[in-house]
């Protein structure tokens, strides 16, 4: 089989799905303390009682500039 035919049969995940999966793995590592605090980006937990037992919910910050709109910390809170 040619390479394109093998790709059609295998149906690998899209680049967007792989990016989301990688982001979620990194968020888990940051929240559980696998990285040092000085190295990891700032992710704050939300203290609202609406989460119904989910203590890992993140607080969403509104970016002041469009440059920060698609950064890692804003991208992962929406997911």
Foldseek 3Di string as FASTA:
>chain_A
DDPVVVCVVVVDDDPVVVVLVVLVVLLVCVVVPVDDPVPDDDWAFDPDPPPPPPRRQTDADDDPDPVCCPDSNNVNNVD
